[in-house]
């Protein structure tokens, strides 16, 4: 039996009854059976490596975004640069690597928060960094085979308007921009 205690002060007893991996690959899928509040629950869980997200600030008021085709959504989306933390990397090391690969910059990183992207079914924990004092280092991106990324520059105020209007549809991007805007306004 596990006593689950979290930041909001909720304590619950959870008994893990079984775990069965049904797929293994870049991501894995498992089926967990557990008891919660005297009920047996069965959940399909996506196991995903932790990840990072970047808010690259350039010229004090602009952010560097990426656009890329997302097959699950069936469209090209505007997003903050992001990527998986590879085995053996710290979140900061992954952020440095992704910044170089996706946007061709290096800079000073400051962690601002971390969150689960879809905790109802996915284990992915994302660490979000603000990148400042950017310096261009690569003219050519170093992309994975499934990446077709273009870098786009936009004022923070314009990006926030696009979040609120629904033009930006990526939840990590919306949450990161709104959190950054709130922190910046203090």
C-alpha atoms as a PDB file:
ATOM      1  CA  UNK A   1       0.000   0.000   0.000  1.00  0.00           C
ATOM      2  CA  UNK A   2       1.217   3.482  -0.902  1.00  0.00           C
ATOM      3  CA  UNK A   3       0.196   6.617   0.952  1.00  0.00           C
ATOM      4  CA  UNK A   4      -0.107   9.314  -1.685  1.00  0.00           C
ATOM      5  CA  UNK A   5       0.627  12.780  -0.326  1.00  0.00           C
ATOM      6  CA  UNK A   6       0.777  15.817  -2.545  1.00  0.00           C
ATOM      7  CA  UNK A   7       1.243  19.578  -2.465  1.00  0.00           C
ATOM      8  CA  UNK A   8      -2.448  20.296  -1.976  1.00  0.00           C
ATOM      9  CA  UNK A   9      -2.506  18.304   1.273  1.00  0.00           C
ATOM     10  CA  UNK A  10      -4.577  15.426  -0.058  1.00  0.00           C
ATOM     11  CA  UNK A  11      -3.702  12.021   1.404  1.00  0.00           C
ATOM     12  CA  UNK A  12      -5.056   8.826  -0.106  1.00  0.00           C
ATOM     13  CA  UNK A  13      -4.158   5.196   0.215  1.00  0.00           C
ATOM     14  CA  UNK A  14      -3.425   3.524  -3.104  1.00  0.00           C
ATOM     15  CA  UNK A  15      -2.778  -0.191  -3.495  1.00  0.00           C
ATOM     16  CA  UNK A  16      -1.084  -1.215  -6.726  1.00  0.00           C
ATOM     17  CA  UNK A  17      -2.607  -4.560  -7.718  1.00  0.00           C
ATOM     18  CA  UNK A  18      -0.784  -5.149 -11.019  1.00  0.00           C
ATOM     19  CA  UNK A  19       1.210  -3.497 -13.773  1.00  0.00           C
ATOM     20  CA  UNK A  20       1.532  -4.993 -17.254  1.00  0.00           C
ATOM     21  CA  UNK A  21       3.610  -3.453 -20.072  1.00  0.00           C
ATOM     22  CA  UNK A  22       1.765  -3.946 -23.368  1.00  0.00           C
ATOM     23  CA  UNK A  23       4.039  -1.951 -25.694  1.00  0.00           C
ATOM     24  CA  UNK A  24       7.687  -0.862 -25.599  1.00  0.00           C
ATOM     25  CA  UNK A  25       9.276   1.666 -27.949  1.00  0.00           C
ATOM     26  CA  UNK A  26      10.108   5.405 -27.907  1.00  0.00           C
ATOM     27  CA  UNK A  27       7.207   5.484 -25.502  1.00  0.00           C
ATOM     28  CA  UNK A  28       5.810   2.527 -23.593  1.00  0.00           C
ATOM     29  CA  UNK A  29       2.263   1.689 -22.663  1.00  0.00           C
ATOM     30  CA  UNK A  30       1.276  -0.202 -19.553  1.00  0.00           C
ATOM     31  CA  UNK A  31      -1.968  -1.160 -17.902  1.00  0.00           C
ATOM     32  CA  UNK A  32      -2.102  -0.529 -14.162  1.00  0.00           C
ATOM     33  CA  UNK A  33      -4.691  -1.939 -11.813  1.00  0.00           C
ATOM     34  CA  UNK A  34      -4.931  -0.286  -8.406  1.00  0.00           C
ATOM     35  CA  UNK A  35      -7.302   0.259  -5.515  1.00  0.00           C
ATOM     36  CA  UNK A  36      -8.329   3.782  -4.645  1.00  0.00           C
ATOM     37  CA  UNK A  37     -11.131   4.632  -2.194  1.00  0.00           C
ATOM     38  CA  UNK A  38     -12.074   0.934  -1.982  1.00  0.00           C
ATOM     39  CA  UNK A  39     -12.581   0.735  -5.754  1.00  0.00           C
ATOM     40  CA  UNK A  40     -10.502  -1.187  -8.282  1.00  0.00           C
ATOM     41  CA  UNK A  41      -9.330   1.108 -11.079  1.00  0.00           C
ATOM     42  CA  UNK A  42      -7.770   0.056 -14.399  1.00  0.00           C
ATOM     43  CA  UNK A  43      -5.748   2.688 -16.318  1.00  0.00           C
ATOM     44  CA  UNK A  44      -3.744   2.695 -19.527  1.00  0.00           C
ATOM     45  CA  UNK A  45      -0.561   4.671 -18.857  1.00  0.00           C
ATOM     46  CA  UNK A  46       1.815   6.141 -21.434  1.00  0.00           C
ATOM     47  CA  UNK A  47       5.401   6.047 -20.144  1.00  0.00           C
ATOM     48  CA  UNK A  48       7.350   8.958 -21.617  1.00  0.00           C
ATOM     49  CA  UNK A  49      10.774  10.349 -20.775  1.00  0.00           C
ATOM     50  CA  UNK A  50      10.780  13.724 -18.996  1.00  0.00           C
ATOM     51  CA  UNK A  51      11.130  16.740 -21.250  1.00  0.00           C
ATOM     52  CA  UNK A  52      12.058  20.418 -21.354  1.00  0.00           C
ATOM     53  CA  UNK A  53      10.391  23.509 -22.775  1.00  0.00           C
ATOM     54  CA  UNK A  54      12.137  26.792 -23.575  1.00  0.00           C
ATOM     55  CA  UNK A  55      10.993  30.404 -23.622  1.00  0.00           C
ATOM     56  CA  UNK A  56      13.828  32.002 -25.635  1.00  0.00           C
ATOM     57  CA  UNK A  57      13.761  35.792 -25.156  1.00  0.00           C
ATOM     58  CA  UNK A  58      15.430  37.894 -27.810  1.00  0.00           C
ATOM     59  CA  UNK A  59      15.729  41.702 -27.845  1.00  0.00           C
ATOM     60  CA  UNK A  60      13.919  41.884 -24.488  1.00  0.00           C
ATOM     61  CA  UNK A  61      10.365  41.695 -25.872  1.00  0.00           C
ATOM     62  CA  UNK A  62      10.355  38.935 -28.480  1.00  0.00           C
ATOM     63  CA  UNK A  63      10.227  35.160 -28.189  1.00  0.00           C
ATOM     64  CA  UNK A  64      11.627  32.612 -30.617  1.00  0.00           C
ATOM     65  CA  UNK A  65       9.029  29.966 -31.456  1.00  0.00           C
ATOM     66  CA  UNK A  66       9.166  26.947 -33.719  1.00  0.00           C
ATOM     67  CA  UNK A  67       6.581  25.754 -36.190  1.00  0.00           C
ATOM     68  CA  UNK A  68       6.451  22.073 -36.967  1.00  0.00           C
ATOM     69  CA  UNK A  69       4.082  19.489 -38.348  1.00  0.00           C
ATOM     70  CA  UNK A  70       2.430  17.419 -35.619  1.00  0.00           C
ATOM     71  CA  UNK A  71       0.983  14.251 -37.101  1.00  0.00           C
ATOM     72  CA  UNK A  72      -1.309  13.425 -34.157  1.00  0.00           C
ATOM     73  CA  UNK A  73      -2.969  16.842 -34.551  1.00  0.00           C
ATOM     74  CA  UNK A  74      -2.791  16.682 -38.354  1.00  0.00           C
ATOM     75  CA  UNK A  75      -1.413  20.206 -38.642  1.00  0.00           C
ATOM     76  CA  UNK A  76       1.575  22.498 -38.309  1.00  0.00           C
ATOM     77  CA  UNK A  77       1.632  24.142 -34.897  1.00  0.00           C
ATOM     78  CA  UNK A  78       3.329  27.165 -33.355  1.00  0.00           C
ATOM     79  CA  UNK A  79       5.165  26.096 -30.185  1.00  0.00           C
ATOM     80  CA  UNK A  80       7.933  26.943 -27.783  1.00  0.00           C
ATOM     81  CA  UNK A  81      11.070  24.877 -28.504  1.00  0.00           C
ATOM     82  CA  UNK A  82      10.919  21.621 -26.526  1.00  0.00           C
ATOM     83  CA  UNK A  83      12.242  18.086 -26.440  1.00  0.00           C
ATOM     84  CA  UNK A  84      12.953  14.934 -24.483  1.00  0.00           C
ATOM     85  CA  UNK A  85      15.571  14.664 -21.795  1.00  0.00           C
ATOM     86  CA  UNK A  86      17.890  11.929 -23.023  1.00  0.00           C
ATOM     87  CA  UNK A  87      19.161   9.264 -20.637  1.00  0.00           C
ATOM     88  CA  UNK A  88      22.049  10.634 -18.580  1.00  0.00           C
ATOM     89  CA  UNK A  89      21.126  14.285 -19.183  1.00  0.00           C
ATOM     90  CA  UNK A  90      19.971  16.765 -16.574  1.00  0.00           C
ATOM     91  CA  UNK A  91      17.033  19.009 -17.498  1.00  0.00           C
ATOM     92  CA  UNK A  92      19.464  21.925 -17.977  1.00  0.00           C
ATOM     93  CA  UNK A  93      21.758  19.875 -20.261  1.00  0.00           C
ATOM     94  CA  UNK A  94      18.745  18.850 -22.346  1.00  0.00           C
ATOM     95  CA  UNK A  95      17.607  22.486 -22.564  1.00  0.00           C
ATOM     96  CA  UNK A  96      21.046  23.559 -23.815  1.00  0.00           C
ATOM     97  CA  UNK A  97      21.058  20.769 -26.420  1.00  0.00           C
ATOM     98  CA  UNK A  98      17.509  21.461 -27.630  1.00  0.00           C
ATOM     99  CA  UNK A  99      18.198  25.207 -27.861  1.00  0.00           C
ATOM    100  CA  UNK A 100      21.213  24.523 -30.078  1.00  0.00           C
ATOM    101  CA  UNK A 101      19.440  21.896 -32.205  1.00  0.00           C
ATOM    102  CA  UNK A 102      16.070  23.562 -32.764  1.00  0.00           C
ATOM    103  CA  UNK A 103      16.777  27.297 -32.871  1.00  0.00           C
ATOM    104  CA  UNK A 104      20.583  27.477 -33.222  1.00  0.00           C
ATOM    105  CA  UNK A 105      21.196  29.609 -30.143  1.00  0.00           C
ATOM    106  CA  UNK A 106      22.870  29.398 -26.786  1.00  0.00           C
ATOM    107  CA  UNK A 107      22.186  31.570 -23.760  1.00  0.00           C
ATOM    108  CA  UNK A 108      21.570  31.848 -20.042  1.00  0.00           C
ATOM    109  CA  UNK A 109      18.936  29.443 -18.698  1.00  0.00           C
ATOM    110  CA  UNK A 110      16.691  30.078 -15.701  1.00  0.00           C
ATOM    111  CA  UNK A 111      14.240  27.386 -14.570  1.00  0.00           C
ATOM    112  CA  UNK A 112      10.741  28.731 -13.909  1.00  0.00           C
ATOM    113  CA  UNK A 113       8.505  25.702 -13.327  1.00  0.00           C
ATOM    114  CA  UNK A 114       7.759  22.087 -14.052  1.00  0.00           C
ATOM    115  CA  UNK A 115       4.501  20.300 -14.786  1.00  0.00           C
ATOM    116  CA  UNK A 116       2.949  17.080 -15.993  1.00  0.00           C
ATOM    117  CA  UNK A 117       1.632  17.458 -19.524  1.00  0.00           C
ATOM    118  CA  UNK A 118      -1.229  14.942 -19.289  1.00  0.00           C
ATOM    119  CA  UNK A 119      -1.207  13.333 -15.812  1.00  0.00           C
ATOM    120  CA  UNK A 120      -4.435  11.429 -16.380  1.00  0.00           C
ATOM    121  CA  UNK A 121      -2.629   8.939 -18.641  1.00  0.00           C
ATOM    122  CA  UNK A 122       0.987  10.055 -19.249  1.00  0.00           C
ATOM    123  CA  UNK A 123       4.119  10.110 -17.045  1.00  0.00           C
ATOM    124  CA  UNK A 124       5.859  12.967 -18.939  1.00  0.00           C
ATOM    125  CA  UNK A 125       7.163  15.681 -16.620  1.00  0.00           C
ATOM    126  CA  UNK A 126       8.301  18.890 -18.371  1.00  0.00           C
ATOM    127  CA  UNK A 127      10.842  21.361 -16.981  1.00  0.00           C
ATOM    128  CA  UNK A 128      10.402  24.889 -18.358  1.00  0.00           C
ATOM    129  CA  UNK A 129      13.296  27.345 -18.717  1.00  0.00           C
ATOM    130  CA  UNK A 130      13.557  30.967 -19.777  1.00  0.00           C
ATOM    131  CA  UNK A 131      16.542  31.523 -22.079  1.00  0.00           C
ATOM    132  CA  UNK A 132      18.084  35.011 -22.145  1.00  0.00           C
ATOM    133  CA  UNK A 133      21.297  36.617 -23.439  1.00  0.00           C
ATOM    134  CA  UNK A 134      20.884  34.588 -26.641  1.00  0.00           C
ATOM    135  CA  UNK A 135      23.794  34.198 -29.046  1.00  0.00           C
ATOM    136  CA  UNK A 136      23.437  32.671 -32.510  1.00  0.00           C
ATOM    137  CA  UNK A 137      25.757  29.676 -32.868  1.00  0.00           C
ATOM    138  CA  UNK A 138      24.354  27.551 -35.708  1.00  0.00           C
ATOM    139  CA  UNK A 139      23.113  28.682 -39.078  1.00  0.00           C
ATOM    140  CA  UNK A 140      21.884  25.152 -39.781  1.00  0.00           C
ATOM    141  CA  UNK A 141      19.554  23.284 -37.432  1.00  0.00           C
ATOM    142  CA  UNK A 142      20.433  19.796 -36.201  1.00  0.00           C
ATOM    143  CA  UNK A 143      17.003  18.167 -36.370  1.00  0.00           C
ATOM    144  CA  UNK A 144      15.659  14.671 -35.802  1.00  0.00           C
ATOM    145  CA  UNK A 145      14.183  12.838 -38.817  1.00  0.00           C
ATOM    146  CA  UNK A 146      10.601  13.625 -37.766  1.00  0.00           C
ATOM    147  CA  UNK A 147      11.247  17.348 -37.279  1.00  0.00           C
ATOM    148  CA  UNK A 148      10.555  19.979 -39.938  1.00  0.00           C
ATOM    149  CA  UNK A 149      11.090  23.070 -37.832  1.00  0.00           C
ATOM    150  CA  UNK A 150      11.043  26.718 -38.806  1.00  0.00           C
ATOM    151  CA  UNK A 151      11.979  29.409 -36.297  1.00  0.00           C
ATOM    152  CA  UNK A 152       9.532  32.295 -35.909  1.00  0.00           C
ATOM    153  CA  UNK A 153      10.045  35.473 -33.899  1.00  0.00           C
ATOM    154  CA  UNK A 154       7.089  37.154 -32.184  1.00  0.00           C
ATOM    155  CA  UNK A 155       6.487  39.826 -29.550  1.00  0.00           C
ATOM    156  CA  UNK A 156       5.332  38.438 -26.199  1.00  0.00           C
ATOM    157  CA  UNK A 157       2.209  40.638 -26.281  1.00  0.00           C
ATOM    158  CA  UNK A 158       1.235  39.263 -29.713  1.00  0.00           C
ATOM    159  CA  UNK A 159       1.849  35.696 -28.562  1.00  0.00           C
ATOM    160  CA  UNK A 160      -0.335  36.190 -25.465  1.00  0.00           C
ATOM    161  CA  UNK A 161      -3.162  37.519 -27.679  1.00  0.00           C
ATOM    162  CA  UNK A 162      -2.799  34.430 -29.890  1.00  0.00           C
ATOM    163  CA  UNK A 163      -3.011  32.182 -26.786  1.00  0.00           C
ATOM    164  CA  UNK A 164      -6.207  33.857 -25.612  1.00  0.00           C
ATOM    165  CA  UNK A 165      -7.805  33.897 -29.098  1.00  0.00           C
ATOM    166  CA  UNK A 166      -7.091  30.193 -29.690  1.00  0.00           C
ATOM    167  CA  UNK A 167      -4.619  30.767 -32.536  1.00  0.00           C
ATOM    168  CA  UNK A 168      -1.928  29.016 -30.468  1.00  0.00           C
ATOM    169  CA  UNK A 169      -3.304  25.554 -29.709  1.00  0.00           C
ATOM    170  CA  UNK A 170      -0.371  23.852 -27.985  1.00  0.00           C
ATOM    171  CA  UNK A 171      -1.021  23.625 -24.221  1.00  0.00           C
ATOM    172  CA  UNK A 172       2.649  23.678 -23.112  1.00  0.00           C
ATOM    173  CA  UNK A 173       3.174  26.841 -25.130  1.00  0.00           C
ATOM    174  CA  UNK A 174       0.058  28.548 -23.756  1.00  0.00           C
ATOM    175  CA  UNK A 175       0.856  27.629 -20.147  1.00  0.00           C
ATOM    176  CA  UNK A 176       4.528  28.609 -20.455  1.00  0.00           C
ATOM    177  CA  UNK A 177       3.753  31.989 -22.029  1.00  0.00           C
ATOM    178  CA  UNK A 178       1.054  32.859 -19.513  1.00  0.00           C
ATOM    179  CA  UNK A 179       3.300  31.821 -16.599  1.00  0.00           C
ATOM    180  CA  UNK A 180       6.209  33.836 -18.002  1.00  0.00           C
ATOM    181  CA  UNK A 181       4.021  36.904 -18.587  1.00  0.00           C
ATOM    182  CA  UNK A 182       2.773  36.689 -15.000  1.00  0.00           C
ATOM    183  CA  UNK A 183       6.303  36.338 -13.589  1.00  0.00           C
ATOM    184  CA  UNK A 184       7.550  39.202 -15.773  1.00  0.00           C
ATOM    185  CA  UNK A 185       4.740  41.529 -14.636  1.00  0.00           C
ATOM    186  CA  UNK A 186       5.649  41.248 -10.933  1.00  0.00           C
END
